[in-house]
Amino acid sequence: MTESLRQGTRRHRIVIIDGPNMTNLGARNKKVYGAINSIEDLQDFSTSFGDRIGVEVETFVSNYEGAILEYIHANAATADAFIINPAGLTEIGIPTKHALSETGKPVMEIHFANVDAPPTAPRGLPIGPWDSVFRGSVTGVAMGLRQYSYSSAILGLAMALDDETFLGADLAPAPATAS
């Protein structure tokens, strides 16, 4: 992959936040989580992918919602977009949802599994489906693709941020002025 996938050349800053239980990544269900052996492996995968497409990716992980909130607040002014895998906060993370919404920045919700699928589905969780509190307020969702949910969110956000019409910019031509 090269920067030629993108329309722009600006090095966007995309922040990835992994929520509760993601620190246990290497010990989790291999059917769902695949070959990624640690949160550090996932962070390396994500930052490396970002570098390949000309995007700065910063990663953060915490099992504590208060730490996640403080991190969002500290990065709201400098991030171009956020990616969140709410993990253990998926059904209960209202404060995190509010903090992300209040940044005014694009937000992608991501999951290794398809959290909407029943447990019998190939990419579903053994304890699914989950009702995400984030879903109605995020810009987009990528799930069910294991670590590739991360790369698809990074690429999608970079391309969208390069697009001047992204997030409702006016597509109509400017009105003609009277001579």
C-alpha atoms as a PDB file:
ATOM      1  CA  MET A   1       0.000   0.000   0.000  1.00  0.00           C
ATOM      2  CA  THR A   2       1.138   3.460  -0.742  1.00  0.00           C
ATOM      3  CA  GLU A   3      -0.097   6.966  -0.236  1.00  0.00           C
ATOM      4  CA  SER A   4      -1.474   6.822  -3.792  1.00  0.00           C
ATOM      5  CA  LEU A   5      -4.603   5.203  -2.322  1.00  0.00           C
ATOM      6  CA  ARG A   6      -5.426   8.571  -0.842  1.00  0.00           C
ATOM      7  CA  GLN A   7      -6.497  11.820  -2.501  1.00  0.00           C
ATOM      8  CA  GLY A   8      -4.534  13.957  -0.060  1.00  0.00           C
ATOM      9  CA  THR A   9      -1.057  14.041   1.349  1.00  0.00           C
ATOM     10  CA  ARG A  10      -1.719  15.525   4.789  1.00  0.00           C
ATOM     11  CA  ARG A  11      -0.451  13.281   7.591  1.00  0.00           C
ATOM     12  CA  HIS A  12      -3.670  12.969   9.593  1.00  0.00           C
ATOM     13  CA  ARG A  13      -3.428  12.083  13.286  1.00  0.00           C
ATOM     14  CA  ILE A  14      -5.763   9.223  14.129  1.00  0.00           C
ATOM     15  CA  VAL A  15      -6.050   8.060  17.730  1.00  0.00           C
ATOM     16  CA  ILE A  16      -6.968   4.441  18.508  1.00  0.00           C
ATOM     17  CA  ILE A  17      -8.404   3.628  21.921  1.00  0.00           C
ATOM     18  CA  ASP A  18      -8.779   0.038  23.115  1.00  0.00           C
ATOM     19  CA  GLY A  19     -11.067  -0.481  26.081  1.00  0.00           C
ATOM     20  CA  PRO A  20     -11.393  -2.952  28.942  1.00  0.00           C
ATOM     21  CA  ASN A  21     -10.210  -6.526  28.402  1.00  0.00           C
ATOM     22  CA  MET A  22      -8.133  -5.763  25.298  1.00  0.00           C
ATOM     23  CA  THR A  23      -4.958  -5.977  27.423  1.00  0.00           C
ATOM     24  CA  ASN A  24      -5.689  -9.721  27.628  1.00  0.00           C
ATOM     25  CA  LEU A  25      -5.659 -10.091  23.847  1.00  0.00           C
ATOM     26  CA  GLY A  26      -3.160 -12.958  23.540  1.00  0.00           C
ATOM     27  CA  ALA A  27      -5.098 -15.140  25.978  1.00  0.00           C
ATOM     28  CA  ARG A  28      -8.505 -14.630  24.367  1.00  0.00           C
ATOM     29  CA  ASN A  29     -10.554 -16.893  22.091  1.00  0.00           C
ATOM     30  CA  LYS A  30      -8.397 -17.586  18.983  1.00  0.00           C
ATOM     31  CA  LYS A  31     -11.511 -18.199  16.854  1.00  0.00           C
ATOM     32  CA  VAL A  32     -12.532 -14.604  17.472  1.00  0.00           C
ATOM     33  CA  TYR A  33      -9.189 -12.853  17.942  1.00  0.00           C
ATOM     34  CA  GLY A  34      -6.898 -14.825  15.624  1.00  0.00           C
ATOM     35  CA  ALA A  35      -3.110 -14.737  15.608  1.00  0.00           C
ATOM     36  CA  ILE A  36      -2.546 -11.379  17.310  1.00  0.00           C
ATOM     37  CA  ASN A  37      -0.751 -12.393  20.511  1.00  0.00           C
ATOM     38  CA  SER A  38      -0.803  -9.177  22.519  1.00  0.00           C
ATOM     39  CA  ILE A  39      -2.115  -5.643  22.623  1.00  0.00           C
ATOM     40  CA  GLU A  40       1.411  -4.528  21.726  1.00  0.00           C
ATOM     41  CA  ASP A  41       1.267  -6.671  18.549  1.00  0.00           C
ATOM     42  CA  LEU A  42      -2.041  -5.015  17.651  1.00  0.00           C
ATOM     43  CA  GLN A  43      -0.662  -1.534  18.332  1.00  0.00           C
ATOM     44  CA  ASP A  44       2.416  -2.283  16.179  1.00  0.00           C
ATOM     45  CA  PHE A  45       0.164  -3.604  13.397  1.00  0.00           C
ATOM     46  CA  SER A  46      -1.961  -0.436  13.517  1.00  0.00           C
ATOM     47  CA  THR A  47       0.880   2.096  13.647  1.00  0.00           C
ATOM     48  CA  SER A  48       2.768   0.263  10.890  1.00  0.00           C
ATOM     49  CA  PHE A  49      -0.318   0.280   8.670  1.00  0.00           C
ATOM     50  CA  GLY A  50      -0.777   3.999   9.328  1.00  0.00           C
ATOM     51  CA  ASP A  51       2.842   4.699   8.382  1.00  0.00           C
ATOM     52  CA  ARG A  52       2.386   2.817   5.093  1.00  0.00           C
ATOM     53  CA  ILE A  53      -0.494   5.090   4.073  1.00  0.00           C
ATOM     54  CA  GLY A  54       0.955   8.323   5.458  1.00  0.00           C
ATOM     55  CA  VAL A  55      -1.112   8.566   8.651  1.00  0.00           C
ATOM     56  CA  GLU A  56       0.116   9.097  12.192  1.00  0.00           C
ATOM     57  CA  VAL A  57      -1.568   6.530  14.424  1.00  0.00           C
ATOM     58  CA  GLU A  58      -1.379   6.920  18.175  1.00  0.00           C
ATOM     59  CA  THR A  59      -2.602   4.073  20.379  1.00  0.00           C
ATOM     60  CA  PHE A  60      -3.935   3.910  23.914  1.00  0.00           C
ATOM     61  CA  VAL A  61      -5.354   1.067  25.978  1.00  0.00           C
ATOM     62  CA  SER A  62      -6.915   1.001  29.422  1.00  0.00           C
ATOM     63  CA  ASN A  63      -9.150  -1.205  31.501  1.00  0.00           C
ATOM     64  CA  TYR A  64     -10.478   1.913  33.265  1.00  0.00           C
ATOM     65  CA  GLU A  65     -13.090   4.206  31.766  1.00  0.00           C
ATOM     66  CA  GLY A  66     -11.823   7.225  33.731  1.00  0.00           C
ATOM     67  CA  ALA A  67      -8.378   6.893  32.125  1.00  0.00           C
ATOM     68  CA  ILE A  68     -10.007   6.613  28.697  1.00  0.00           C
ATOM     69  CA  LEU A  69     -12.021   9.779  29.332  1.00  0.00           C
ATOM     70  CA  GLU A  70      -8.920  11.696  30.404  1.00  0.00           C
ATOM     71  CA  TYR A  71      -7.072  10.488  27.300  1.00  0.00           C
ATOM     72  CA  ILE A  72      -9.909  11.619  24.991  1.00  0.00           C
ATOM     73  CA  HIS A  73     -10.030  15.029  26.673  1.00  0.00           C
ATOM     74  CA  ALA A  74      -6.236  15.423  26.401  1.00  0.00           C
ATOM     75  CA  ASN A  75      -6.241  14.562  22.675  1.00  0.00           C
ATOM     76  CA  ALA A  76      -9.458  16.200  21.481  1.00  0.00           C
ATOM     77  CA  ALA A  77      -7.747  19.316  20.124  1.00  0.00           C
ATOM     78  CA  THR A  78      -4.914  17.539  18.282  1.00  0.00           C
ATOM     79  CA  ALA A  79      -6.542  14.387  16.879  1.00  0.00           C
ATOM     80  CA  ASP A  80      -8.135  14.482  13.425  1.00  0.00           C
ATOM     81  CA  ALA A  81     -10.232  11.407  14.193  1.00  0.00           C
ATOM     82  CA  PHE A  82     -10.744   8.676  16.767  1.00  0.00           C
ATOM     83  CA  ILE A  83     -11.082   4.917  16.477  1.00  0.00           C
ATOM     84  CA  ILE A  84     -12.490   3.085  19.479  1.00  0.00           C
ATOM     85  CA  ASN A  85     -12.756  -0.568  20.282  1.00  0.00           C
ATOM     86  CA  PRO A  86     -14.915  -0.132  23.363  1.00  0.00           C
ATOM     87  CA  ALA A  87     -14.556  -3.838  24.209  1.00  0.00           C
ATOM     88  CA  GLY A  88     -15.947  -4.200  27.742  1.00  0.00           C
ATOM     89  CA  LEU A  89     -17.573  -0.754  27.474  1.00  0.00           C
ATOM     90  CA  THR A  90     -19.581  -1.630  24.351  1.00  0.00           C
ATOM     91  CA  GLU A  91     -22.901  -1.914  26.183  1.00  0.00           C
ATOM     92  CA  ILE A  92     -22.244   0.485  29.084  1.00  0.00           C
ATOM     93  CA  GLY A  93     -19.765   3.194  27.998  1.00  0.00           C
ATOM     94  CA  ILE A  94     -22.093   6.215  27.972  1.00  0.00           C
ATOM     95  CA  PRO A  95     -19.471   8.636  29.411  1.00  0.00           C
ATOM     96  CA  THR A  96     -16.950   7.533  26.765  1.00  0.00           C
ATOM     97  CA  LYS A  97     -19.555   7.915  24.028  1.00  0.00           C
ATOM     98  CA  HIS A  98     -20.296  11.457  25.236  1.00  0.00           C
ATOM     99  CA  ALA A  99     -16.610  12.399  25.433  1.00  0.00           C
ATOM    100  CA  LEU A 100     -15.984  11.198  21.869  1.00  0.00           C
ATOM    101  CA  SER A 101     -19.101  12.968  20.566  1.00  0.00           C
ATOM    102  CA  GLU A 102     -18.070  16.207  22.244  1.00  0.00           C
ATOM    103  CA  THR A 103     -14.748  16.264  20.360  1.00  0.00           C
ATOM    104  CA  GLY A 104     -16.646  17.023  17.148  1.00  0.00           C
ATOM    105  CA  LYS A 105     -14.245  14.688  15.326  1.00  0.00           C
ATOM    106  CA  PRO A 106     -15.084  11.638  13.211  1.00  0.00           C
ATOM    107  CA  VAL A 107     -15.230   8.439  15.282  1.00  0.00           C
ATOM    108  CA  MET A 108     -15.113   4.834  14.084  1.00  0.00           C
ATOM    109  CA  GLU A 109     -16.291   2.003  16.332  1.00  0.00           C
ATOM    110  CA  ILE A 110     -14.387  -1.221  15.721  1.00  0.00           C
ATOM    111  CA  HIS A 111     -14.451  -4.794  16.981  1.00  0.00           C
ATOM    112  CA  PHE A 112     -12.500  -7.957  16.200  1.00  0.00           C
ATOM    113  CA  ALA A 113     -15.766  -9.916  16.121  1.00  0.00           C
ATOM    114  CA  ASN A 114     -19.134  -9.113  14.611  1.00  0.00           C
ATOM    115  CA  VAL A 115     -20.765  -8.079  17.892  1.00  0.00           C
ATOM    116  CA  ASP A 116     -24.174  -7.928  16.188  1.00  0.00           C
ATOM    117  CA  ALA A 117     -24.040 -11.610  15.199  1.00  0.00           C
ATOM    118  CA  PRO A 118     -25.386 -14.517  17.220  1.00  0.00           C
ATOM    119  CA  PRO A 119     -22.884 -16.881  18.869  1.00  0.00           C
ATOM    120  CA  THR A 120     -23.431 -19.444  16.095  1.00  0.00           C
ATOM    121  CA  ALA A 121     -22.230 -17.066  13.369  1.00  0.00           C
ATOM    122  CA  PRO A 122     -18.668 -17.575  12.090  1.00  0.00           C
ATOM    123  CA  ARG A 123     -17.460 -14.156  13.321  1.00  0.00           C
ATOM    124  CA  GLY A 124     -19.868 -13.820  16.256  1.00  0.00           C
ATOM    125  CA  LEU A 125     -18.920 -13.718  19.925  1.00  0.00           C
ATOM    126  CA  PRO A 126     -19.658 -16.728  22.143  1.00  0.00           C
ATOM    127  CA  ILE A 127     -21.644 -14.330  24.374  1.00  0.00           C
ATOM    128  CA  GLY A 128     -23.174 -12.173  21.608  1.00  0.00           C
ATOM    129  CA  PRO A 129     -24.950 -10.347  20.206  1.00  0.00           C
ATOM    130  CA  TRP A 130     -24.188  -7.076  21.993  1.00  0.00           C
ATOM    131  CA  ASP A 131     -26.146  -3.828  21.905  1.00  0.00           C
ATOM    132  CA  SER A 132     -23.571  -1.083  21.412  1.00  0.00           C
ATOM    133  CA  VAL A 133     -24.253   2.264  23.065  1.00  0.00           C
ATOM    134  CA  PHE A 134     -21.781   3.826  20.606  1.00  0.00           C
ATOM    135  CA  ARG A 135     -23.407   2.746  17.359  1.00  0.00           C
ATOM    136  CA  GLY A 136     -25.912   5.584  17.031  1.00  0.00           C
ATOM    137  CA  SER A 137     -23.343   8.344  17.497  1.00  0.00           C
ATOM    138  CA  VAL A 138     -20.267   7.177  15.578  1.00  0.00           C
ATOM    139  CA  THR A 139     -19.342   8.105  12.023  1.00  0.00           C
ATOM    140  CA  GLY A 140     -18.843   4.496  10.974  1.00  0.00           C
ATOM    141  CA  VAL A 141     -18.311   0.911  12.124  1.00  0.00           C
ATOM    142  CA  ALA A 142     -15.828  -1.824  11.174  1.00  0.00           C
ATOM    143  CA  MET A 143     -16.211  -5.228  12.778  1.00  0.00           C
ATOM    144  CA  GLY A 144     -15.832  -8.921  12.271  1.00  0.00           C
ATOM    145  CA  LEU A 145     -12.474  -8.614  10.512  1.00  0.00           C
ATOM    146  CA  ARG A 146     -10.160  -9.262  13.496  1.00  0.00           C
ATOM    147  CA  GLN A 147      -7.151  -6.892  13.303  1.00  0.00           C
ATOM    148  CA  TYR A 148      -8.222  -5.912   9.803  1.00  0.00           C
ATOM    149  CA  SER A 149     -11.111  -3.983  11.362  1.00  0.00           C
ATOM    150  CA  TYR A 150      -8.368  -1.619  12.567  1.00  0.00           C
ATOM    151  CA  SER A 151      -6.692  -1.226   9.171  1.00  0.00           C
ATOM    152  CA  SER A 152     -10.032  -0.729   7.432  1.00  0.00           C
ATOM    153  CA  ALA A 153     -10.969   2.002   9.924  1.00  0.00           C
ATOM    154  CA  ILE A 154      -7.578   3.725   9.546  1.00  0.00           C
ATOM    155  CA  LEU A 155      -7.776   3.677   5.743  1.00  0.00           C
ATOM    156  CA  GLY A 156     -11.440   4.677   5.658  1.00  0.00           C
ATOM    157  CA  LEU A 157     -10.893   7.632   7.979  1.00  0.00           C
ATOM    158  CA  ALA A 158      -7.770   8.790   6.118  1.00  0.00           C
ATOM    159  CA  MET A 159      -9.604   8.727   2.787  1.00  0.00           C
ATOM    160  CA  ALA A 160     -12.662  10.426   4.285  1.00  0.00           C
ATOM    161  CA  LEU A 161     -10.543  13.140   5.919  1.00  0.00           C
ATOM    162  CA  ASP A 162      -8.877  13.752   2.530  1.00  0.00           C
ATOM    163  CA  ASP A 163     -12.342  14.278   0.985  1.00  0.00           C
ATOM    164  CA  GLU A 164     -13.372  17.934   1.276  1.00  0.00           C
ATOM    165  CA  THR A 165     -17.049  16.924   1.104  1.00  0.00           C
ATOM    166  CA  PHE A 166     -16.784  14.477   4.018  1.00  0.00           C
ATOM    167  CA  LEU A 167     -19.213  15.006   6.892  1.00  0.00           C
ATOM    168  CA  GLY A 168     -21.615  17.211   5.007  1.00  0.00           C
ATOM    169  CA  ALA A 169     -19.459  19.892   3.470  1.00  0.00           C
ATOM    170  CA  ASP A 170     -21.520  21.886   1.001  1.00  0.00           C
ATOM    171  CA  LEU A 171     -21.539  20.229  -2.410  1.00  0.00           C
ATOM    172  CA  ALA A 172     -23.591  22.927  -4.067  1.00  0.00           C
ATOM    173  CA  PRO A 173     -21.766  25.448  -6.235  1.00  0.00           C
ATOM    174  CA  ALA A 174     -21.396  28.881  -4.734  1.00  0.00           C
ATOM    175  CA  PRO A 175     -24.159  31.273  -5.796  1.00  0.00           C
ATOM    176  CA  ALA A 176     -23.311  33.556  -8.666  1.00  0.00           C
ATOM    177  CA  THR A 177     -22.672  37.143  -7.712  1.00  0.00           C
ATOM    178  CA  ALA A 178     -24.458  39.977  -9.465  1.00  0.00           C
ATOM    179  CA  SER A 179     -22.344  42.033 -11.836  1.00  0.00           C
END
